[in-house]
N, C-alpha and C. Protein backbone atom coordinates (compact mmCIF):
# COMPACT_ATOMS: atom_id res chain seq x y z
N MET A 1 0.85 -1.17 0.00
CA MET A 1 0.00 0.00 0.00
C MET A 1 0.90 1.23 0.00
N ARG A 2 0.79 2.07 -1.05
CA ARG A 2 1.63 3.25 -1.19
C ARG A 2 1.15 4.36 -0.27
N GLY A 3 2.11 5.21 0.16
CA GLY A 3 1.77 6.33 1.01
C GLY A 3 1.99 6.03 2.48
N ILE A 4 2.01 4.76 2.86
CA ILE A 4 2.27 4.38 4.24
C ILE A 4 3.48 3.47 4.24
N THR A 5 4.57 3.93 4.86
CA THR A 5 5.77 3.11 4.90
C THR A 5 5.64 2.12 6.04
N MET A 6 5.65 0.85 5.66
CA MET A 6 5.51 -0.23 6.65
C MET A 6 6.90 -0.72 7.02
N SER A 7 7.05 -1.19 8.25
CA SER A 7 8.33 -1.75 8.67
C SER A 7 8.39 -3.22 8.26
N THR A 8 9.53 -3.61 7.72
CA THR A 8 9.73 -5.01 7.33
C THR A 8 10.47 -5.77 8.41
N GLY A 9 10.94 -5.04 9.43
CA GLY A 9 11.75 -5.68 10.46
C GLY A 9 13.22 -5.69 10.10
N SER A 10 13.57 -5.15 8.93
CA SER A 10 14.97 -5.06 8.49
C SER A 10 15.32 -3.60 8.25
N THR A 11 16.37 -3.11 8.88
CA THR A 11 16.78 -1.72 8.68
C THR A 11 17.12 -1.46 7.22
N THR A 12 17.81 -2.40 6.58
CA THR A 12 18.19 -2.23 5.17
C THR A 12 16.96 -2.14 4.28
N PHE A 13 16.02 -3.09 4.44
CA PHE A 13 14.82 -3.09 3.61
C PHE A 13 13.98 -1.84 3.85
N ASP A 14 13.88 -1.42 5.11
CA ASP A 14 13.10 -0.22 5.43
C ASP A 14 13.71 1.02 4.77
N ALA A 15 15.05 1.10 4.72
CA ALA A 15 15.72 2.24 4.07
C ALA A 15 15.44 2.24 2.57
N ILE A 16 15.42 1.05 1.95
CA ILE A 16 15.13 0.94 0.52
C ILE A 16 13.69 1.38 0.25
N LEU A 17 12.76 0.90 1.05
CA LEU A 17 11.34 1.28 0.89
C LEU A 17 11.15 2.78 1.05
N ALA A 18 11.79 3.37 2.06
CA ALA A 18 11.65 4.81 2.31
C ALA A 18 12.17 5.60 1.12
N ARG A 19 13.31 5.20 0.56
CA ARG A 19 13.88 5.91 -0.59
C ARG A 19 12.97 5.78 -1.80
N ASP A 20 12.41 4.59 -2.01
CA ASP A 20 11.53 4.38 -3.15
C ASP A 20 10.26 5.21 -3.01
N GLU A 21 9.72 5.30 -1.80
CA GLU A 21 8.54 6.15 -1.54
C GLU A 21 8.86 7.61 -1.87
N GLU A 22 10.06 8.07 -1.47
CA GLU A 22 10.49 9.44 -1.76
C GLU A 22 10.51 9.69 -3.26
N ASP A 23 11.15 8.77 -3.99
CA ASP A 23 11.26 8.91 -5.44
C ASP A 23 9.88 8.95 -6.10
N GLN A 24 8.98 8.07 -5.66
CA GLN A 24 7.65 8.04 -6.26
C GLN A 24 6.87 9.29 -5.92
N ALA A 25 7.04 9.80 -4.70
CA ALA A 25 6.33 11.02 -4.31
C ALA A 25 6.79 12.21 -5.16
N ARG A 26 8.06 12.18 -5.62
CA ARG A 26 8.57 13.26 -6.47
C ARG A 26 8.23 13.01 -7.93
N GLY A 27 7.57 11.89 -8.23
CA GLY A 27 7.15 11.60 -9.61
C GLY A 27 8.29 11.21 -10.52
N LEU A 28 9.26 10.50 -9.99
CA LEU A 28 10.43 10.16 -10.80
C LEU A 28 10.19 8.89 -11.61
N GLY A 29 9.64 9.07 -12.79
CA GLY A 29 9.50 7.96 -13.72
C GLY A 29 8.51 6.90 -13.29
N VAL A 30 7.54 7.23 -12.45
CA VAL A 30 6.58 6.24 -11.98
C VAL A 30 5.16 6.75 -12.21
N TRP A 31 4.21 5.80 -12.23
CA TRP A 31 2.79 6.11 -12.39
C TRP A 31 2.51 6.97 -13.62
N GLY A 32 3.36 6.85 -14.64
CA GLY A 32 3.13 7.59 -15.87
C GLY A 32 3.42 9.07 -15.79
N LYS A 33 4.04 9.54 -14.72
CA LYS A 33 4.30 10.98 -14.59
C LYS A 33 5.47 11.44 -15.45
N GLU A 34 6.36 10.53 -15.78
CA GLU A 34 7.49 10.85 -16.64
C GLU A 34 7.53 9.82 -17.76
N PRO A 35 7.96 10.22 -18.98
CA PRO A 35 8.06 9.22 -20.05
C PRO A 35 9.13 8.18 -19.71
N ALA A 36 8.92 6.97 -20.19
CA ALA A 36 9.89 5.90 -19.95
C ALA A 36 11.22 6.26 -20.58
N GLN A 37 12.30 5.97 -19.88
CA GLN A 37 13.65 6.24 -20.38
C GLN A 37 14.48 4.97 -20.26
N GLU A 38 15.36 4.77 -21.23
CA GLU A 38 16.27 3.62 -21.14
C GLU A 38 17.20 3.83 -19.97
N PRO A 39 17.62 2.75 -19.30
CA PRO A 39 18.53 2.92 -18.17
C PRO A 39 19.93 3.34 -18.62
N VAL A 40 20.68 3.94 -17.70
CA VAL A 40 22.09 4.22 -17.92
C VAL A 40 22.86 3.13 -17.20
N HIS A 41 23.79 2.50 -17.89
CA HIS A 41 24.53 1.38 -17.31
C HIS A 41 26.02 1.71 -17.30
N ARG A 42 26.62 1.63 -16.12
CA ARG A 42 28.07 1.86 -16.00
C ARG A 42 28.71 0.58 -15.46
N ILE A 43 29.76 0.13 -16.16
CA ILE A 43 30.52 -1.04 -15.69
C ILE A 43 31.94 -0.58 -15.38
N SER A 44 32.40 -0.91 -14.17
CA SER A 44 33.78 -0.62 -13.78
C SER A 44 34.50 -1.94 -13.57
N PHE A 45 35.63 -2.12 -14.25
CA PHE A 45 36.47 -3.29 -14.06
C PHE A 45 37.56 -2.89 -13.08
N VAL A 46 37.65 -3.61 -11.95
CA VAL A 46 38.59 -3.25 -10.91
C VAL A 46 39.44 -4.43 -10.50
N THR A 47 40.59 -4.14 -9.89
CA THR A 47 41.47 -5.18 -9.37
C THR A 47 40.90 -5.70 -8.05
N PRO A 48 41.44 -6.78 -7.52
CA PRO A 48 40.91 -7.33 -6.26
C PRO A 48 40.93 -6.30 -5.13
N LYS A 49 40.06 -6.53 -4.13
CA LYS A 49 39.83 -5.57 -3.05
C LYS A 49 41.09 -5.10 -2.33
N SER A 50 42.07 -5.97 -2.17
CA SER A 50 43.26 -5.59 -1.42
C SER A 50 43.98 -4.40 -2.04
N SER A 51 43.90 -4.27 -3.37
CA SER A 51 44.58 -3.16 -4.05
C SER A 51 43.62 -2.50 -5.03
N LEU A 52 42.39 -2.28 -4.61
CA LEU A 52 41.31 -1.82 -5.48
C LEU A 52 41.75 -0.67 -6.39
N THR A 53 41.86 -0.96 -7.68
CA THR A 53 42.25 0.02 -8.68
C THR A 53 41.30 -0.13 -9.86
N GLU A 54 40.78 0.98 -10.35
CA GLU A 54 39.88 0.92 -11.50
C GLU A 54 40.72 0.79 -12.77
N LEU A 55 40.47 -0.27 -13.53
CA LEU A 55 41.22 -0.52 -14.76
C LEU A 55 40.53 0.10 -15.96
N VAL A 56 39.23 -0.13 -16.08
CA VAL A 56 38.46 0.35 -17.22
C VAL A 56 37.07 0.72 -16.72
N GLU A 57 36.51 1.83 -17.21
CA GLU A 57 35.13 2.20 -16.88
C GLU A 57 34.39 2.47 -18.18
N LEU A 58 33.21 1.86 -18.33
CA LEU A 58 32.39 2.02 -19.53
C LEU A 58 31.00 2.48 -19.10
N GLU A 59 30.39 3.36 -19.87
CA GLU A 59 29.03 3.80 -19.56
C GLU A 59 28.26 3.99 -20.85
N THR A 60 26.99 3.55 -20.84
CA THR A 60 26.16 3.69 -22.03
C THR A 60 24.70 3.81 -21.63
N VAL A 61 23.89 4.32 -22.54
CA VAL A 61 22.44 4.30 -22.35
C VAL A 61 21.97 2.95 -22.87
N GLY A 62 21.26 2.20 -22.04
CA GLY A 62 20.91 0.82 -22.37
C GLY A 62 21.81 -0.13 -21.61
N MET A 63 21.56 -1.40 -21.74
CA MET A 63 22.31 -2.40 -20.98
C MET A 63 23.50 -2.93 -21.76
N MET A 64 24.60 -3.15 -21.06
CA MET A 64 25.77 -3.82 -21.63
C MET A 64 25.80 -5.25 -21.09
N PRO A 65 26.39 -6.17 -21.82
CA PRO A 65 26.51 -7.52 -21.29
C PRO A 65 27.44 -7.53 -20.08
N VAL A 66 27.09 -8.33 -19.08
CA VAL A 66 27.89 -8.42 -17.85
C VAL A 66 28.57 -9.78 -17.83
N PRO A 67 29.90 -9.82 -17.71
CA PRO A 67 30.58 -11.11 -17.69
C PRO A 67 30.28 -11.88 -16.41
N ALA A 68 30.36 -13.20 -16.50
CA ALA A 68 30.09 -14.07 -15.36
C ALA A 68 31.38 -14.38 -14.61
N VAL A 69 31.24 -14.74 -13.34
CA VAL A 69 32.40 -15.14 -12.54
C VAL A 69 33.05 -16.34 -13.21
N GLY A 70 34.37 -16.30 -13.33
CA GLY A 70 35.12 -17.37 -13.97
C GLY A 70 35.37 -17.14 -15.44
N GLU A 71 34.64 -16.18 -16.04
CA GLU A 71 34.80 -15.89 -17.46
C GLU A 71 36.10 -15.12 -17.69
N VAL A 72 36.76 -15.39 -18.80
CA VAL A 72 37.96 -14.65 -19.19
C VAL A 72 37.53 -13.54 -20.13
N VAL A 73 37.89 -12.30 -19.79
CA VAL A 73 37.56 -11.15 -20.63
C VAL A 73 38.85 -10.44 -21.03
N THR A 74 38.78 -9.68 -22.11
CA THR A 74 39.95 -8.94 -22.59
C THR A 74 39.74 -7.45 -22.34
N LEU A 75 40.64 -6.84 -21.59
CA LEU A 75 40.63 -5.40 -21.34
C LEU A 75 41.87 -4.81 -21.96
N HIS A 76 41.70 -3.95 -22.94
CA HIS A 76 42.84 -3.32 -23.62
C HIS A 76 43.88 -4.36 -24.03
N ASP A 77 43.44 -5.38 -24.73
CA ASP A 77 44.31 -6.42 -25.30
C ASP A 77 44.94 -7.34 -24.25
N SER A 78 44.49 -7.30 -22.99
CA SER A 78 45.03 -8.19 -21.97
C SER A 78 43.90 -9.04 -21.40
N GLU A 79 44.14 -10.34 -21.31
CA GLU A 79 43.12 -11.24 -20.78
C GLU A 79 43.19 -11.31 -19.26
N VAL A 80 42.03 -11.22 -18.61
CA VAL A 80 41.92 -11.33 -17.16
C VAL A 80 40.72 -12.21 -16.85
N THR A 81 40.68 -12.75 -15.64
CA THR A 81 39.58 -13.62 -15.23
C THR A 81 38.69 -12.90 -14.23
N VAL A 82 37.38 -12.98 -14.44
CA VAL A 82 36.41 -12.34 -13.54
C VAL A 82 36.30 -13.17 -12.26
N THR A 83 36.49 -12.51 -11.11
CA THR A 83 36.41 -13.22 -9.82
C THR A 83 35.18 -12.83 -9.01
N GLU A 84 34.56 -11.68 -9.33
CA GLU A 84 33.39 -11.23 -8.57
C GLU A 84 32.63 -10.21 -9.40
N VAL A 85 31.30 -10.23 -9.29
CA VAL A 85 30.45 -9.24 -9.98
C VAL A 85 29.44 -8.71 -8.97
N ARG A 86 29.35 -7.39 -8.85
CA ARG A 86 28.36 -6.75 -7.97
C ARG A 86 27.62 -5.69 -8.77
N THR A 87 26.32 -5.58 -8.52
CA THR A 87 25.51 -4.60 -9.23
C THR A 87 24.70 -3.79 -8.24
N ALA A 88 24.59 -2.47 -8.50
CA ALA A 88 23.78 -1.57 -7.67
C ALA A 88 22.81 -0.83 -8.58
N TYR A 89 21.58 -0.62 -8.09
CA TYR A 89 20.54 0.05 -8.86
C TYR A 89 20.08 1.30 -8.11
N THR A 90 19.81 2.37 -8.86
CA THR A 90 19.24 3.58 -8.27
C THR A 90 18.52 4.34 -9.37
N ARG A 91 18.01 5.54 -9.04
CA ARG A 91 17.40 6.41 -10.05
C ARG A 91 18.12 7.75 -10.05
N THR A 92 18.18 8.39 -11.22
CA THR A 92 18.72 9.75 -11.30
C THR A 92 17.62 10.72 -10.88
N ASP A 93 17.95 12.00 -10.81
CA ASP A 93 16.96 13.01 -10.41
C ASP A 93 15.80 13.12 -11.40
N THR A 94 15.99 12.65 -12.63
CA THR A 94 14.91 12.71 -13.61
C THR A 94 14.12 11.41 -13.66
N GLY A 95 14.47 10.46 -12.80
CA GLY A 95 13.73 9.21 -12.76
C GLY A 95 14.32 8.10 -13.59
N ARG A 96 15.39 8.37 -14.31
CA ARG A 96 16.01 7.33 -15.14
C ARG A 96 16.70 6.31 -14.25
N THR A 97 16.53 5.04 -14.56
CA THR A 97 17.21 3.99 -13.82
C THR A 97 18.69 4.04 -14.11
N LYS A 98 19.51 3.96 -13.07
CA LYS A 98 20.96 3.94 -13.24
C LYS A 98 21.49 2.67 -12.60
N ILE A 99 22.28 1.93 -13.36
CA ILE A 99 22.79 0.64 -12.92
C ILE A 99 24.32 0.71 -12.89
N PHE A 100 24.88 0.36 -11.76
CA PHE A 100 26.33 0.33 -11.60
C PHE A 100 26.74 -1.13 -11.43
N THR A 101 27.65 -1.60 -12.27
CA THR A 101 28.17 -2.96 -12.14
C THR A 101 29.66 -2.89 -11.90
N PHE A 102 30.12 -3.55 -10.85
CA PHE A 102 31.54 -3.60 -10.53
C PHE A 102 32.01 -5.02 -10.81
N VAL A 103 32.99 -5.15 -11.69
CA VAL A 103 33.53 -6.45 -12.06
C VAL A 103 34.96 -6.52 -11.54
N VAL A 104 35.18 -7.43 -10.59
CA VAL A 104 36.53 -7.61 -10.05
C VAL A 104 37.23 -8.66 -10.89
N VAL A 105 38.45 -8.34 -11.33
CA VAL A 105 39.23 -9.28 -12.15
C VAL A 105 40.53 -9.61 -11.44
N ASP A 106 41.08 -10.78 -11.79
CA ASP A 106 42.28 -11.26 -11.09
C ASP A 106 43.50 -10.41 -11.43
N ASP A 107 44.47 -10.43 -10.50
CA ASP A 107 45.76 -9.76 -10.73
C ASP A 107 46.51 -10.49 -11.83
N LEU A 108 47.44 -9.80 -12.44
CA LEU A 108 48.28 -10.44 -13.45
C LEU A 108 49.25 -11.38 -12.77
N SER A 109 49.56 -12.45 -13.47
CA SER A 109 50.54 -13.40 -12.92
C SER A 109 51.92 -12.77 -12.99
N PRO A 110 52.88 -13.24 -12.17
CA PRO A 110 54.23 -12.69 -12.23
C PRO A 110 54.82 -12.77 -13.64
N GLY A 111 54.48 -13.83 -14.38
CA GLY A 111 54.99 -13.96 -15.75
C GLY A 111 54.47 -12.86 -16.65
N GLN A 112 53.17 -12.53 -16.52
CA GLN A 112 52.60 -11.47 -17.33
C GLN A 112 53.18 -10.11 -16.94
N GLU A 113 53.37 -9.89 -15.62
CA GLU A 113 53.96 -8.64 -15.15
C GLU A 113 55.36 -8.46 -15.75
N GLY A 114 56.12 -9.57 -15.76
CA GLY A 114 57.48 -9.51 -16.30
C GLY A 114 57.49 -9.14 -17.77
N LEU A 115 56.57 -9.73 -18.54
CA LEU A 115 56.47 -9.41 -19.96
C LEU A 115 56.13 -7.94 -20.16
N ALA A 116 55.20 -7.43 -19.35
CA ALA A 116 54.79 -6.03 -19.48
C ALA A 116 55.95 -5.10 -19.18
N ASN A 117 56.68 -5.39 -18.09
CA ASN A 117 57.82 -4.55 -17.73
C ASN A 117 58.92 -4.61 -18.79
N GLN A 118 59.13 -5.81 -19.33
CA GLN A 118 60.13 -5.97 -20.37
C GLN A 118 59.75 -5.19 -21.61
N ALA A 119 58.46 -5.26 -22.01
CA ALA A 119 57.99 -4.54 -23.20
C ALA A 119 58.10 -3.04 -22.99
N ALA A 120 57.72 -2.55 -21.81
CA ALA A 120 57.77 -1.12 -21.54
C ALA A 120 59.21 -0.63 -21.53
N GLY A 121 60.12 -1.44 -20.97
CA GLY A 121 61.52 -1.01 -20.86
C GLY A 121 62.28 -1.15 -22.15
N SER A 122 61.89 -2.08 -23.00
CA SER A 122 62.67 -2.33 -24.21
C SER A 122 62.18 -1.57 -25.41
N GLY A 123 60.96 -1.05 -25.37
CA GLY A 123 60.44 -0.37 -26.55
C GLY A 123 60.25 -1.34 -27.68
N GLU A 124 59.83 -2.58 -27.36
CA GLU A 124 59.58 -3.63 -28.35
C GLU A 124 60.80 -3.85 -29.23
N GLY A 125 61.96 -3.99 -28.59
CA GLY A 125 63.16 -4.32 -29.33
C GLY A 125 63.86 -3.12 -29.91
N GLU A 126 63.30 -1.93 -29.75
CA GLU A 126 63.94 -0.73 -30.28
C GLU A 126 64.28 0.17 -29.11
N ALA A 127 65.13 -0.28 -28.22
CA ALA A 127 65.44 0.50 -27.03
C ALA A 127 66.09 1.81 -27.42
N MET A 128 65.59 2.86 -26.80
CA MET A 128 66.15 4.17 -27.02
C MET A 128 66.70 4.63 -25.68
N SER A 129 67.74 5.40 -25.68
CA SER A 129 68.37 5.84 -24.45
C SER A 129 67.37 6.59 -23.58
N GLY A 130 66.90 5.95 -22.49
CA GLY A 130 65.98 6.58 -21.56
C GLY A 130 64.60 6.83 -22.12
N ARG A 131 64.28 6.24 -23.27
CA ARG A 131 62.97 6.45 -23.90
C ARG A 131 62.30 5.11 -24.16
N VAL A 132 60.98 5.14 -24.24
CA VAL A 132 60.21 3.94 -24.55
C VAL A 132 59.21 4.26 -25.64
N ARG A 133 58.82 3.21 -26.36
CA ARG A 133 57.76 3.36 -27.37
C ARG A 133 56.44 3.01 -26.70
N VAL A 134 55.44 3.84 -26.94
CA VAL A 134 54.12 3.63 -26.35
C VAL A 134 53.05 3.89 -27.40
N LYS A 135 51.81 3.54 -27.06
CA LYS A 135 50.70 3.89 -27.93
C LYS A 135 49.55 4.42 -27.09
N VAL A 136 48.73 5.26 -27.72
CA VAL A 136 47.56 5.83 -27.06
C VAL A 136 46.39 4.91 -27.34
N LEU A 137 45.83 4.29 -26.28
CA LEU A 137 44.69 3.39 -26.48
C LEU A 137 43.42 4.17 -26.77
N LEU A 138 43.08 5.09 -25.86
CA LEU A 138 41.84 5.85 -26.00
C LEU A 138 41.87 7.04 -25.07
N LEU A 139 40.88 7.92 -25.22
CA LEU A 139 40.73 9.08 -24.35
C LEU A 139 39.63 8.81 -23.35
N VAL A 140 39.87 9.16 -22.09
CA VAL A 140 38.86 9.05 -21.04
C VAL A 140 38.74 10.45 -20.44
N GLY A 141 37.73 11.21 -20.87
CA GLY A 141 37.62 12.59 -20.45
C GLY A 141 38.81 13.37 -20.98
N ASP A 142 39.54 14.04 -20.08
CA ASP A 142 40.71 14.82 -20.51
C ASP A 142 42.01 14.03 -20.34
N GLN A 143 41.88 12.71 -20.14
CA GLN A 143 43.06 11.86 -19.95
C GLN A 143 43.24 10.91 -21.13
N ALA A 144 44.50 10.61 -21.45
CA ALA A 144 44.82 9.63 -22.49
C ALA A 144 45.35 8.38 -21.81
N GLU A 145 44.86 7.22 -22.23
CA GLU A 145 45.35 5.95 -21.69
C GLU A 145 46.53 5.50 -22.54
N ILE A 146 47.69 5.38 -21.89
CA ILE A 146 48.94 5.05 -22.57
C ILE A 146 49.39 3.66 -22.14
N VAL A 147 49.87 2.87 -23.10
CA VAL A 147 50.38 1.53 -22.80
C VAL A 147 51.62 1.31 -23.65
N ALA A 148 52.50 0.40 -23.20
CA ALA A 148 53.70 0.07 -23.98
C ALA A 148 53.29 -0.41 -25.36
N ASP A 149 54.06 -0.04 -26.37
CA ASP A 149 53.75 -0.40 -27.76
C ASP A 149 54.26 -1.81 -28.03
N ALA A 150 53.55 -2.79 -27.46
CA ALA A 150 53.90 -4.20 -27.62
C ALA A 150 52.64 -5.03 -27.55
N ALA A 151 52.61 -6.14 -28.25
CA ALA A 151 51.41 -6.98 -28.32
C ALA A 151 50.99 -7.50 -26.95
N ASP A 152 51.96 -7.73 -26.06
CA ASP A 152 51.63 -8.29 -24.75
C ASP A 152 51.61 -7.22 -23.64
N ALA A 153 51.56 -5.96 -24.02
CA ALA A 153 51.57 -4.88 -23.02
C ALA A 153 50.27 -4.89 -22.22
N VAL A 154 50.40 -4.53 -20.94
CA VAL A 154 49.25 -4.53 -20.04
C VAL A 154 49.26 -3.26 -19.20
N ARG A 155 48.18 -3.08 -18.42
CA ARG A 155 48.04 -1.99 -17.46
C ARG A 155 48.30 -0.60 -18.05
N PRO A 156 47.29 -0.03 -18.71
CA PRO A 156 47.46 1.33 -19.22
C PRO A 156 47.58 2.33 -18.07
N THR A 157 48.25 3.44 -18.34
CA THR A 157 48.41 4.52 -17.38
C THR A 157 47.86 5.79 -18.01
N ARG A 158 47.24 6.64 -17.19
CA ARG A 158 46.62 7.86 -17.73
C ARG A 158 47.53 9.07 -17.59
N TYR A 159 47.56 9.86 -18.67
CA TYR A 159 48.30 11.11 -18.72
C TYR A 159 47.40 12.18 -19.33
N SER A 160 47.77 13.44 -19.13
CA SER A 160 46.99 14.56 -19.66
C SER A 160 46.99 14.52 -21.19
N ALA A 161 45.79 14.41 -21.77
CA ALA A 161 45.68 14.37 -23.24
C ALA A 161 46.11 15.70 -23.84
N ALA A 162 45.78 16.81 -23.18
CA ALA A 162 46.14 18.14 -23.69
C ALA A 162 47.65 18.30 -23.76
N GLU A 163 48.34 17.81 -22.72
CA GLU A 163 49.81 17.90 -22.67
C GLU A 163 50.44 17.11 -23.81
N ILE A 164 49.93 15.91 -24.05
CA ILE A 164 50.47 15.07 -25.11
C ILE A 164 50.18 15.69 -26.48
N ALA A 165 48.93 16.13 -26.68
CA ALA A 165 48.54 16.72 -27.97
C ALA A 165 49.40 17.93 -28.30
N GLU A 166 49.66 18.77 -27.29
CA GLU A 166 50.48 19.96 -27.52
C GLU A 166 51.91 19.58 -27.87
N ALA A 167 52.45 18.58 -27.18
CA ALA A 167 53.83 18.18 -27.40
C ALA A 167 54.05 17.60 -28.80
N VAL A 168 53.07 16.83 -29.31
CA VAL A 168 53.26 16.17 -30.60
C VAL A 168 52.59 16.90 -31.76
N GLY A 169 51.83 17.98 -31.45
CA GLY A 169 51.21 18.77 -32.51
C GLY A 169 50.06 18.08 -33.22
N VAL A 170 49.29 17.29 -32.45
CA VAL A 170 48.14 16.57 -33.00
C VAL A 170 46.91 16.94 -32.17
N PRO A 171 45.74 17.17 -32.81
CA PRO A 171 44.53 17.44 -32.02
C PRO A 171 44.24 16.28 -31.07
N GLN A 172 43.72 16.60 -29.88
CA GLN A 172 43.43 15.57 -28.88
C GLN A 172 42.58 14.44 -29.46
N ALA A 173 41.57 14.79 -30.25
CA ALA A 173 40.65 13.78 -30.78
C ALA A 173 41.35 12.77 -31.67
N GLU A 174 42.53 13.13 -32.21
CA GLU A 174 43.26 12.23 -33.10
C GLU A 174 44.34 11.42 -32.39
N LEU A 175 44.44 11.54 -31.07
CA LEU A 175 45.47 10.80 -30.34
C LEU A 175 45.26 9.28 -30.29
N PRO A 176 44.01 8.79 -30.07
CA PRO A 176 43.85 7.33 -29.97
C PRO A 176 44.43 6.60 -31.18
N GLY A 177 45.24 5.57 -30.90
CA GLY A 177 45.86 4.79 -31.96
C GLY A 177 47.24 5.28 -32.34
N ARG A 178 47.62 6.49 -31.93
CA ARG A 178 48.94 7.03 -32.28
C ARG A 178 50.04 6.31 -31.51
N ARG A 179 51.17 6.13 -32.17
CA ARG A 179 52.35 5.56 -31.53
C ARG A 179 53.33 6.69 -31.26
N LEU A 180 53.87 6.67 -30.04
CA LEU A 180 54.74 7.75 -29.58
C LEU A 180 55.98 7.17 -28.92
N SER A 181 56.94 8.04 -28.68
CA SER A 181 58.03 7.69 -27.78
C SER A 181 58.00 8.71 -26.66
N ALA A 182 58.51 8.30 -25.49
CA ALA A 182 58.49 9.20 -24.33
C ALA A 182 59.68 8.92 -23.45
N ALA A 183 60.12 9.95 -22.75
CA ALA A 183 61.22 9.81 -21.80
C ALA A 183 60.69 9.27 -20.49
N VAL A 184 61.44 8.37 -19.88
CA VAL A 184 61.05 7.79 -18.59
C VAL A 184 61.76 8.54 -17.48
N GLY A 185 60.98 9.12 -16.56
CA GLY A 185 61.56 9.87 -15.44
C GLY A 185 61.98 8.95 -14.30
N ASP A 186 62.62 9.53 -13.28
CA ASP A 186 63.05 8.76 -12.11
C ASP A 186 61.88 8.11 -11.39
N ASP A 187 60.68 8.75 -11.49
CA ASP A 187 59.48 8.22 -10.83
C ASP A 187 58.70 7.27 -11.74
N ASP A 188 59.32 6.90 -12.89
CA ASP A 188 58.72 6.03 -13.90
C ASP A 188 57.56 6.68 -14.64
N ARG A 189 57.33 7.98 -14.44
CA ARG A 189 56.32 8.70 -15.21
C ARG A 189 56.94 9.12 -16.53
N LEU A 190 56.09 9.22 -17.57
CA LEU A 190 56.56 9.55 -18.91
C LEU A 190 56.39 11.04 -19.20
N SER A 191 57.28 11.56 -20.06
CA SER A 191 57.19 12.96 -20.50
C SER A 191 57.98 13.06 -21.80
N GLY A 192 58.10 14.27 -22.35
CA GLY A 192 58.88 14.45 -23.58
C GLY A 192 58.32 13.66 -24.74
N TRP A 193 56.99 13.76 -24.92
CA TRP A 193 56.29 12.97 -25.95
C TRP A 193 56.72 13.35 -27.35
N GLN A 194 56.91 12.33 -28.21
CA GLN A 194 57.25 12.55 -29.62
C GLN A 194 56.52 11.51 -30.47
N LEU A 195 56.14 11.93 -31.68
CA LEU A 195 55.54 10.98 -32.63
C LEU A 195 56.63 10.06 -33.17
N VAL A 196 56.28 8.82 -33.44
CA VAL A 196 57.25 7.90 -34.06
C VAL A 196 56.67 7.36 -35.37
């Protein structure tokens, strides 16, 4: 019965009911007060809880397929195994359903880590004095995801897209897919971007 919040005997369930009553009272996409809208779905791929790091985040209007526990998925050309999947549901201020899915994937094996470090340090067989060859995977907001320019490279790192675009003389929108070289600093951060 709407309009009267009943106790379920569970603090968690009562909080959910109270929030849903609030949303419905504000007319958020219920009882025909707002036109139906496709949900917004965001999936975040993260490392295990002990070192929780976001690897990839995707968002779209409509539903994306969600991998199952035990499934092997490829993130930026690297295969990882799904160890846990959690989903949260809510509504936006306009009543649109918003779905958050967190997919925990396994850490890289020591062998894979070694290959990645070797590829990053060697520049795929073209070692340059204090420089490495890298490629721009994609843009995430104002950040560019950079990875070693090698088939087995893993773990992209984000750098300022504007800084890279200015250094190499290419519009930001044209950075994805570009191959570059960069100087490796004492802190292992890259700078001195150049087109190759």
